[in-house]
Amino acid sequence: MVFKPMDERDYRKLIKIVGWSLVKSGFDYNLLDEKGDYVCSIKITHGKKTKGGEIIAHCIQKTEKKFKERGFKWPPKKK
């Protein structure tokens, strides 16, 4: 499956559905699960002409892999 960069706001909405969160840590962000445990690091690009940042495609792929390891479906659906 080919992954595309995703808007940061949309990404935060999707991970919030399962109770996960993004926390700033130095250069990149840490993805934390519902218990507050570290899952992986996420890189967000910021351009001069864009309002917000975008999650790079490789990090979207990592997120999908971590979701599947924990038994969630990517992208999550509202219940």
Protein backbone atom coordinates (compact mmCIF):
# COMPACT_ATOMS: atom_id res chain seq x y z
CA MET A 1 0.00 0.00 0.00
CA VAL A 2 1.27 3.46 -0.90
CA PHE A 3 1.20 6.01 1.89
CA LYS A 4 0.81 9.77 1.45
CA PRO A 5 1.66 12.58 3.86
CA MET A 6 -1.23 13.48 6.16
CA ASP A 7 -2.21 16.79 7.69
CA GLU A 8 -1.23 16.98 11.37
CA ARG A 9 -4.73 17.96 12.47
CA ASP A 10 -6.32 14.97 10.70
CA TYR A 11 -3.68 12.63 12.12
CA ARG A 12 -4.33 13.85 15.68
CA LYS A 13 -8.08 13.26 15.22
CA LEU A 14 -7.47 9.67 14.07
CA ILE A 15 -5.16 8.70 16.93
CA LYS A 16 -7.44 10.41 19.46
CA ILE A 17 -10.22 7.95 18.51
CA VAL A 18 -8.24 5.11 20.15
CA GLY A 19 -6.93 7.30 22.99
CA TRP A 20 -3.38 7.82 21.69
CA SER A 21 -1.58 11.17 21.69
CA LEU A 22 1.38 13.09 20.24
CA VAL A 23 3.87 14.75 22.59
CA LYS A 24 6.62 17.12 21.48
CA SER A 25 10.13 15.87 22.26
CA GLY A 26 13.06 17.81 20.88
CA PHE A 27 13.18 17.55 17.10
CA ASP A 28 10.24 15.22 16.56
CA TYR A 29 7.13 13.98 18.37
CA ASN A 30 6.53 10.85 20.43
CA LEU A 31 3.41 8.78 19.81
CA LEU A 32 1.99 7.57 23.12
CA ASP A 33 -0.68 4.91 23.61
CA GLU A 34 -3.71 5.13 25.90
CA LYS A 35 -1.59 4.20 28.95
CA GLY A 36 1.02 6.87 28.16
CA ASP A 37 3.62 4.33 27.00
CA TYR A 38 5.96 5.19 24.12
CA VAL A 39 4.97 3.65 20.76
CA CYS A 40 7.25 5.33 18.17
CA SER A 41 8.60 8.69 17.04
CA ILE A 42 6.76 10.78 14.46
CA LYS A 43 8.25 13.45 12.20
CA ILE A 44 6.22 16.47 11.19
CA THR A 45 7.34 18.68 8.31
CA HIS A 46 6.74 22.41 8.39
CA GLY A 47 6.89 24.43 5.21
CA LYS A 48 7.06 28.17 4.66
CA LYS A 49 3.87 28.28 2.61
CA THR A 50 1.74 25.95 4.71
CA LYS A 51 -0.24 26.74 7.84
CA GLY A 52 0.29 23.52 9.72
CA GLY A 53 2.60 20.60 9.35
CA GLU A 54 2.28 17.26 7.65
CA ILE A 55 3.10 13.82 9.00
CA ILE A 56 5.60 12.22 6.59
CA ALA A 57 4.49 9.10 4.71
CA HIS A 58 6.99 6.80 6.45
CA CYS A 59 5.53 7.74 9.85
CA ILE A 60 2.01 7.00 8.62
CA GLN A 61 3.27 3.54 7.64
CA LYS A 62 4.87 3.06 11.09
CA THR A 63 1.61 4.11 12.76
CA GLU A 64 -0.39 1.59 10.72
CA LYS A 65 2.07 -1.16 11.69
CA LYS A 66 1.81 -0.27 15.40
CA PHE A 67 -2.00 -0.18 15.18
CA LYS A 68 -2.08 -3.66 13.63
CA GLU A 69 0.33 -5.02 16.27
CA ARG A 70 -2.11 -3.86 18.96
CA GLY A 71 -5.20 -5.18 17.15
CA PHE A 72 -6.58 -1.85 15.87
CA LYS A 73 -7.58 -1.07 12.30
CA TRP A 74 -5.95 1.84 10.42
CA PRO A 75 -7.47 4.32 9.87
CA PRO A 76 -9.74 3.93 12.90
CA LYS A 77 -13.44 4.52 12.57
CA LYS A 78 -15.63 6.33 15.09
CA LYS A 79 -17.72 3.93 17.11
